[in-house]
């Protein structure tokens, strides 16, 4: 069930970040990096669905978790430099937070199941 939410939320995040990047006036490296990290969240969660094992699924979720943190950092930088407004920043940050919490919970559950 959590995986379904992760897929929906990560696709939403990647899509919305892409749309923001199409409009934002920011250095090209920043735009490239946030596109890369947000789409990596989505890609790794999708890959996890077809993991070869629980350990492989856990690895993909852990990568997605790191990318989520990176995306939050790029969002903060865009907000701090006035490339995005507070409303856009908070909406995307909250979505990252939602994804992060589900990933943390999912990783914990997978680790417990692997250790059994």
N, C-alpha and C. Protein backbone atom coordinates (compact mmCIF):
# COMPACT_ATOMS: atom_id res chain seq x y z
N UNK A 1 0.83 -1.20 0.00
CA UNK A 1 0.00 0.00 0.00
C UNK A 1 0.87 1.26 0.00
N UNK A 2 1.90 1.28 0.86
CA UNK A 2 2.79 2.45 0.92
C UNK A 2 3.48 2.67 -0.42
N UNK A 3 3.79 1.57 -1.11
CA UNK A 3 4.46 1.70 -2.41
C UNK A 3 3.56 2.43 -3.40
N UNK A 4 2.26 2.17 -3.34
CA UNK A 4 1.33 2.87 -4.24
C UNK A 4 1.37 4.38 -3.99
N UNK A 5 1.35 4.77 -2.72
CA UNK A 5 1.44 6.20 -2.38
C UNK A 5 2.78 6.76 -2.83
N UNK A 6 3.85 6.00 -2.62
CA UNK A 6 5.17 6.47 -3.04
C UNK A 6 5.21 6.73 -4.54
N UNK A 7 4.62 5.83 -5.30
CA UNK A 7 4.60 6.01 -6.75
C UNK A 7 3.83 7.27 -7.14
N UNK A 8 2.66 7.44 -6.55
CA UNK A 8 1.83 8.60 -6.86
C UNK A 8 2.53 9.89 -6.45
N UNK A 9 3.03 9.94 -5.21
CA UNK A 9 3.65 11.17 -4.71
C UNK A 9 4.95 11.48 -5.44
N UNK A 10 5.74 10.46 -5.73
CA UNK A 10 7.02 10.72 -6.41
C UNK A 10 6.81 11.15 -7.86
N UNK A 11 5.80 10.60 -8.51
CA UNK A 11 5.48 11.04 -9.87
C UNK A 11 4.98 12.48 -9.84
N UNK A 12 4.14 12.79 -8.86
CA UNK A 12 3.64 14.16 -8.71
C UNK A 12 4.80 15.13 -8.49
N UNK A 13 5.72 14.77 -7.60
CA UNK A 13 6.86 15.63 -7.31
C UNK A 13 7.71 15.85 -8.55
N UNK A 14 8.08 14.78 -9.23
CA UNK A 14 8.92 14.89 -10.43
C UNK A 14 8.24 15.75 -11.49
N UNK A 15 6.95 15.56 -11.66
CA UNK A 15 6.20 16.33 -12.66
C UNK A 15 6.15 17.81 -12.28
N UNK A 16 5.81 18.08 -11.02
CA UNK A 16 5.70 19.48 -10.59
C UNK A 16 7.05 20.19 -10.61
N UNK A 17 8.11 19.49 -10.23
CA UNK A 17 9.45 20.10 -10.28
C UNK A 17 9.81 20.40 -11.72
N UNK A 18 9.51 19.50 -12.63
CA UNK A 18 9.79 19.74 -14.05
C UNK A 18 9.06 20.99 -14.53
N UNK A 19 7.80 21.11 -14.15
CA UNK A 19 7.02 22.29 -14.57
C UNK A 19 7.58 23.57 -13.96
N UNK A 20 8.01 23.51 -12.71
CA UNK A 20 8.64 24.67 -12.07
C UNK A 20 9.92 25.04 -12.82
N UNK A 21 10.72 24.04 -13.15
CA UNK A 21 11.99 24.28 -13.83
C UNK A 21 11.81 24.90 -15.21
N UNK A 22 10.71 24.60 -15.85
CA UNK A 22 10.44 25.18 -17.17
C UNK A 22 10.18 26.68 -17.08
N UNK A 23 9.79 27.16 -15.90
CA UNK A 23 9.44 28.57 -15.73
C UNK A 23 10.48 29.38 -14.96
N UNK A 24 11.27 28.70 -14.15
CA UNK A 24 12.13 29.38 -13.19
C UNK A 24 13.34 30.04 -13.85
N UNK A 25 13.72 31.16 -13.29
CA UNK A 25 14.94 31.85 -13.70
C UNK A 25 15.98 31.55 -12.63
N UNK A 26 16.81 30.57 -12.91
CA UNK A 26 17.84 30.16 -11.96
C UNK A 26 19.03 29.63 -12.76
N UNK A 27 20.20 29.56 -12.12
CA UNK A 27 21.37 29.01 -12.84
C UNK A 27 21.06 27.62 -13.39
N UNK A 28 21.57 27.35 -14.58
CA UNK A 28 21.25 26.08 -15.24
C UNK A 28 21.70 24.87 -14.42
N UNK A 29 22.79 24.98 -13.66
CA UNK A 29 23.22 23.85 -12.84
C UNK A 29 22.19 23.52 -11.77
N UNK A 30 21.64 24.54 -11.13
CA UNK A 30 20.64 24.32 -10.09
C UNK A 30 19.41 23.64 -10.68
N UNK A 31 18.97 24.12 -11.81
CA UNK A 31 17.80 23.55 -12.48
C UNK A 31 18.08 22.10 -12.87
N UNK A 32 19.26 21.86 -13.42
CA UNK A 32 19.65 20.49 -13.80
C UNK A 32 19.65 19.57 -12.59
N UNK A 33 20.24 20.03 -11.50
CA UNK A 33 20.39 19.19 -10.31
C UNK A 33 19.03 18.85 -9.67
N UNK A 34 18.13 19.83 -9.58
CA UNK A 34 16.83 19.52 -8.96
C UNK A 34 15.99 18.64 -9.87
N UNK A 35 16.11 18.82 -11.18
CA UNK A 35 15.42 17.91 -12.10
C UNK A 35 15.93 16.49 -11.91
N UNK A 36 17.24 16.37 -11.83
CA UNK A 36 17.89 15.07 -11.69
C UNK A 36 17.50 14.39 -10.37
N UNK A 37 17.58 15.11 -9.27
CA UNK A 37 17.29 14.49 -7.98
C UNK A 37 15.81 14.13 -7.84
N UNK A 38 14.92 15.01 -8.28
CA UNK A 38 13.49 14.71 -8.14
C UNK A 38 13.07 13.56 -9.05
N UNK A 39 13.61 13.50 -10.25
CA UNK A 39 13.25 12.38 -11.13
C UNK A 39 13.89 11.08 -10.66
N UNK A 40 15.02 11.17 -9.98
CA UNK A 40 15.66 9.97 -9.43
C UNK A 40 14.82 9.35 -8.31
N UNK A 41 14.15 10.18 -7.53
CA UNK A 41 13.25 9.65 -6.50
C UNK A 41 12.21 8.75 -7.17
N UNK A 42 11.58 9.30 -8.18
CA UNK A 42 10.53 8.58 -8.91
C UNK A 42 11.09 7.31 -9.56
N UNK A 43 12.23 7.43 -10.21
CA UNK A 43 12.82 6.28 -10.91
C UNK A 43 13.19 5.16 -9.94
N UNK A 44 13.79 5.51 -8.82
CA UNK A 44 14.20 4.48 -7.86
C UNK A 44 13.01 3.79 -7.20
N UNK A 45 11.95 4.55 -6.94
CA UNK A 45 10.75 3.94 -6.36
C UNK A 45 10.12 2.99 -7.38
N UNK A 46 10.09 3.38 -8.64
CA UNK A 46 9.57 2.48 -9.68
C UNK A 46 10.42 1.23 -9.79
N UNK A 47 11.74 1.41 -9.77
CA UNK A 47 12.63 0.25 -9.85
C UNK A 47 12.44 -0.69 -8.67
N UNK A 48 12.21 -0.12 -7.50
CA UNK A 48 12.04 -0.93 -6.29
C UNK A 48 10.87 -1.91 -6.42
N UNK A 49 9.87 -1.53 -7.19
CA UNK A 49 8.72 -2.40 -7.39
C UNK A 49 9.09 -3.72 -8.05
N UNK A 50 10.20 -3.72 -8.76
CA UNK A 50 10.65 -4.92 -9.45
C UNK A 50 12.02 -5.36 -8.95
N UNK A 51 12.26 -5.06 -7.68
CA UNK A 51 13.53 -5.46 -7.07
C UNK A 51 13.71 -6.97 -7.11
N UNK A 52 14.97 -7.38 -7.19
CA UNK A 52 15.28 -8.81 -7.26
C UNK A 52 15.10 -9.48 -5.90
N UNK A 53 15.09 -8.67 -4.86
CA UNK A 53 14.95 -9.19 -3.50
C UNK A 53 14.51 -8.04 -2.60
N UNK A 54 14.22 -8.37 -1.34
CA UNK A 54 13.89 -7.32 -0.38
C UNK A 54 15.09 -6.40 -0.18
N UNK A 55 16.28 -6.98 -0.20
CA UNK A 55 17.49 -6.17 -0.04
C UNK A 55 17.66 -5.19 -1.21
N UNK A 56 17.33 -5.63 -2.42
CA UNK A 56 17.41 -4.75 -3.58
C UNK A 56 16.37 -3.64 -3.48
N UNK A 57 15.18 -4.00 -3.04
CA UNK A 57 14.12 -3.00 -2.85
C UNK A 57 14.56 -1.98 -1.80
N UNK A 58 15.13 -2.46 -0.71
CA UNK A 58 15.62 -1.56 0.34
C UNK A 58 16.68 -0.62 -0.21
N UNK A 59 17.59 -1.14 -1.01
CA UNK A 59 18.64 -0.31 -1.59
C UNK A 59 18.06 0.82 -2.45
N UNK A 60 17.08 0.49 -3.26
CA UNK A 60 16.43 1.50 -4.11
C UNK A 60 15.71 2.55 -3.28
N UNK A 61 15.03 2.10 -2.22
CA UNK A 61 14.35 3.05 -1.34
C UNK A 61 15.35 3.96 -0.63
N UNK A 62 16.48 3.40 -0.23
CA UNK A 62 17.49 4.23 0.45
C UNK A 62 18.09 5.26 -0.49
N UNK A 63 18.27 4.90 -1.76
CA UNK A 63 18.74 5.87 -2.75
C UNK A 63 17.69 6.96 -2.94
N UNK A 64 16.43 6.56 -3.05
CA UNK A 64 15.34 7.54 -3.20
C UNK A 64 15.30 8.48 -2.00
N UNK A 65 15.56 7.96 -0.82
CA UNK A 65 15.58 8.78 0.39
C UNK A 65 16.68 9.84 0.32
N UNK A 66 17.86 9.45 -0.13
CA UNK A 66 18.96 10.41 -0.30
C UNK A 66 18.60 11.48 -1.34
N UNK A 67 18.00 11.04 -2.43
CA UNK A 67 17.61 11.97 -3.49
C UNK A 67 16.53 12.93 -3.01
N UNK A 68 15.68 12.45 -2.13
CA UNK A 68 14.62 13.28 -1.55
C UNK A 68 15.26 14.41 -0.72
N UNK A 69 16.24 14.05 0.07
CA UNK A 69 16.95 15.05 0.87
C UNK A 69 17.64 16.07 -0.04
N UNK A 70 18.25 15.58 -1.11
CA UNK A 70 18.91 16.48 -2.06
C UNK A 70 17.90 17.43 -2.71
N UNK A 71 16.77 16.89 -3.10
CA UNK A 71 15.73 17.72 -3.72
C UNK A 71 15.28 18.82 -2.77
N UNK A 72 15.10 18.47 -1.49
CA UNK A 72 14.72 19.48 -0.50
C UNK A 72 15.78 20.57 -0.40
N UNK A 73 17.03 20.19 -0.50
CA UNK A 73 18.11 21.18 -0.46
C UNK A 73 18.08 22.12 -1.65
N UNK A 74 17.87 21.58 -2.84
CA UNK A 74 17.78 22.43 -4.04
C UNK A 74 16.56 23.34 -3.98
N UNK A 75 15.45 22.82 -3.45
CA UNK A 75 14.26 23.67 -3.28
C UNK A 75 14.57 24.85 -2.37
N UNK A 76 15.26 24.58 -1.27
CA UNK A 76 15.62 25.64 -0.33
C UNK A 76 16.51 26.67 -1.01
N UNK A 77 17.45 26.21 -1.81
CA UNK A 77 18.33 27.14 -2.53
C UNK A 77 17.53 28.00 -3.51
N UNK A 78 16.61 27.39 -4.23
CA UNK A 78 15.77 28.15 -5.16
C UNK A 78 14.92 29.18 -4.43
N UNK A 79 14.40 28.79 -3.27
CA UNK A 79 13.61 29.72 -2.47
C UNK A 79 14.49 30.85 -1.92
N UNK A 80 15.64 30.49 -1.38
CA UNK A 80 16.54 31.50 -0.80
C UNK A 80 17.03 32.53 -1.82
N UNK A 81 17.08 32.13 -3.09
CA UNK A 81 17.54 33.04 -4.14
C UNK A 81 16.37 33.68 -4.90
N UNK A 82 15.17 33.52 -4.35
CA UNK A 82 13.96 34.12 -4.93
C UNK A 82 13.62 33.61 -6.33
N UNK A 83 14.11 32.42 -6.67
CA UNK A 83 13.77 31.83 -7.96
C UNK A 83 12.36 31.23 -7.92
N UNK A 84 11.93 30.81 -6.71
CA UNK A 84 10.57 30.33 -6.52
C UNK A 84 9.97 31.04 -5.31
N UNK A 85 8.66 31.19 -5.32
CA UNK A 85 8.01 31.88 -4.21
C UNK A 85 7.73 30.91 -3.06
N UNK A 86 7.28 31.47 -1.96
CA UNK A 86 7.06 30.68 -0.75
C UNK A 86 6.00 29.60 -0.94
N UNK A 87 4.96 29.90 -1.69
CA UNK A 87 3.89 28.93 -1.92
C UNK A 87 4.41 27.70 -2.66
N UNK A 88 5.16 27.92 -3.72
CA UNK A 88 5.74 26.81 -4.49
C UNK A 88 6.71 26.04 -3.60
N UNK A 89 7.56 26.76 -2.89
CA UNK A 89 8.54 26.12 -2.01
C UNK A 89 7.86 25.22 -0.98
N UNK A 90 6.88 25.75 -0.28
CA UNK A 90 6.23 24.98 0.78
C UNK A 90 5.48 23.77 0.22
N UNK A 91 4.83 23.94 -0.91
CA UNK A 91 4.09 22.82 -1.51
C UNK A 91 5.03 21.68 -1.86
N UNK A 92 6.14 22.00 -2.53
CA UNK A 92 7.08 20.96 -2.94
C UNK A 92 7.84 20.39 -1.74
N UNK A 93 8.18 21.23 -0.78
CA UNK A 93 8.87 20.77 0.43
C UNK A 93 7.98 19.80 1.20
N UNK A 94 6.70 20.13 1.31
CA UNK A 94 5.76 19.25 2.02
C UNK A 94 5.59 17.92 1.31
N UNK A 95 5.59 17.95 -0.01
CA UNK A 95 5.49 16.70 -0.77
C UNK A 95 6.75 15.86 -0.56
N UNK A 96 7.91 16.50 -0.57
CA UNK A 96 9.16 15.79 -0.26
C UNK A 96 9.10 15.19 1.14
N UNK A 97 8.59 15.93 2.08
CA UNK A 97 8.48 15.44 3.45
C UNK A 97 7.58 14.23 3.55
N UNK A 98 6.49 14.25 2.83
CA UNK A 98 5.56 13.12 2.82
C UNK A 98 6.25 11.87 2.26
N UNK A 99 6.95 12.06 1.15
CA UNK A 99 7.68 10.95 0.53
C UNK A 99 8.76 10.44 1.48
N UNK A 100 9.49 11.35 2.09
CA UNK A 100 10.58 10.98 3.01
C UNK A 100 10.05 10.14 4.17
N UNK A 101 8.95 10.55 4.76
CA UNK A 101 8.40 9.81 5.90
C UNK A 101 7.96 8.40 5.50
N UNK A 102 7.34 8.26 4.33
CA UNK A 102 6.93 6.94 3.87
C UNK A 102 8.15 6.08 3.57
N UNK A 103 9.17 6.69 2.96
CA UNK A 103 10.39 5.94 2.67
C UNK A 103 11.08 5.47 3.94
N UNK A 104 11.16 6.34 4.94
CA UNK A 104 11.80 5.96 6.20
C UNK A 104 11.05 4.78 6.83
N UNK A 105 9.75 4.86 6.86
CA UNK A 105 8.93 3.78 7.42
C UNK A 105 9.10 2.50 6.61
N UNK A 106 9.10 2.62 5.31
CA UNK A 106 9.24 1.44 4.44
C UNK A 106 10.61 0.80 4.60
N UNK A 107 11.65 1.62 4.71
CA UNK A 107 13.01 1.10 4.92
C UNK A 107 13.10 0.35 6.24
N UNK A 108 12.50 0.92 7.26
CA UNK A 108 12.52 0.28 8.59
C UNK A 108 11.83 -1.08 8.52
N UNK A 109 10.67 -1.13 7.89
CA UNK A 109 9.93 -2.39 7.77
C UNK A 109 10.72 -3.42 6.95
N UNK A 110 11.30 -2.98 5.85
CA UNK A 110 12.10 -3.90 5.04
C UNK A 110 13.29 -4.44 5.80
N UNK A 111 13.97 -3.59 6.56
CA UNK A 111 15.12 -4.03 7.35
C UNK A 111 14.69 -5.08 8.37
N UNK A 112 13.57 -4.85 9.01
CA UNK A 112 13.05 -5.81 9.99
C UNK A 112 12.75 -7.16 9.32
N UNK A 113 12.17 -7.11 8.12
CA UNK A 113 11.83 -8.34 7.40
C UNK A 113 13.06 -9.07 6.88
N UNK A 114 14.09 -8.33 6.51
CA UNK A 114 15.32 -8.94 6.02
C UNK A 114 16.04 -9.64 7.17
N UNK A 115 16.00 -9.05 8.34
CA UNK A 115 16.71 -9.59 9.50
C UNK A 115 16.06 -10.85 10.06
N UNK A 116 14.85 -11.15 9.64
CA UNK A 116 14.13 -12.33 10.18
C UNK A 116 14.65 -13.59 9.56
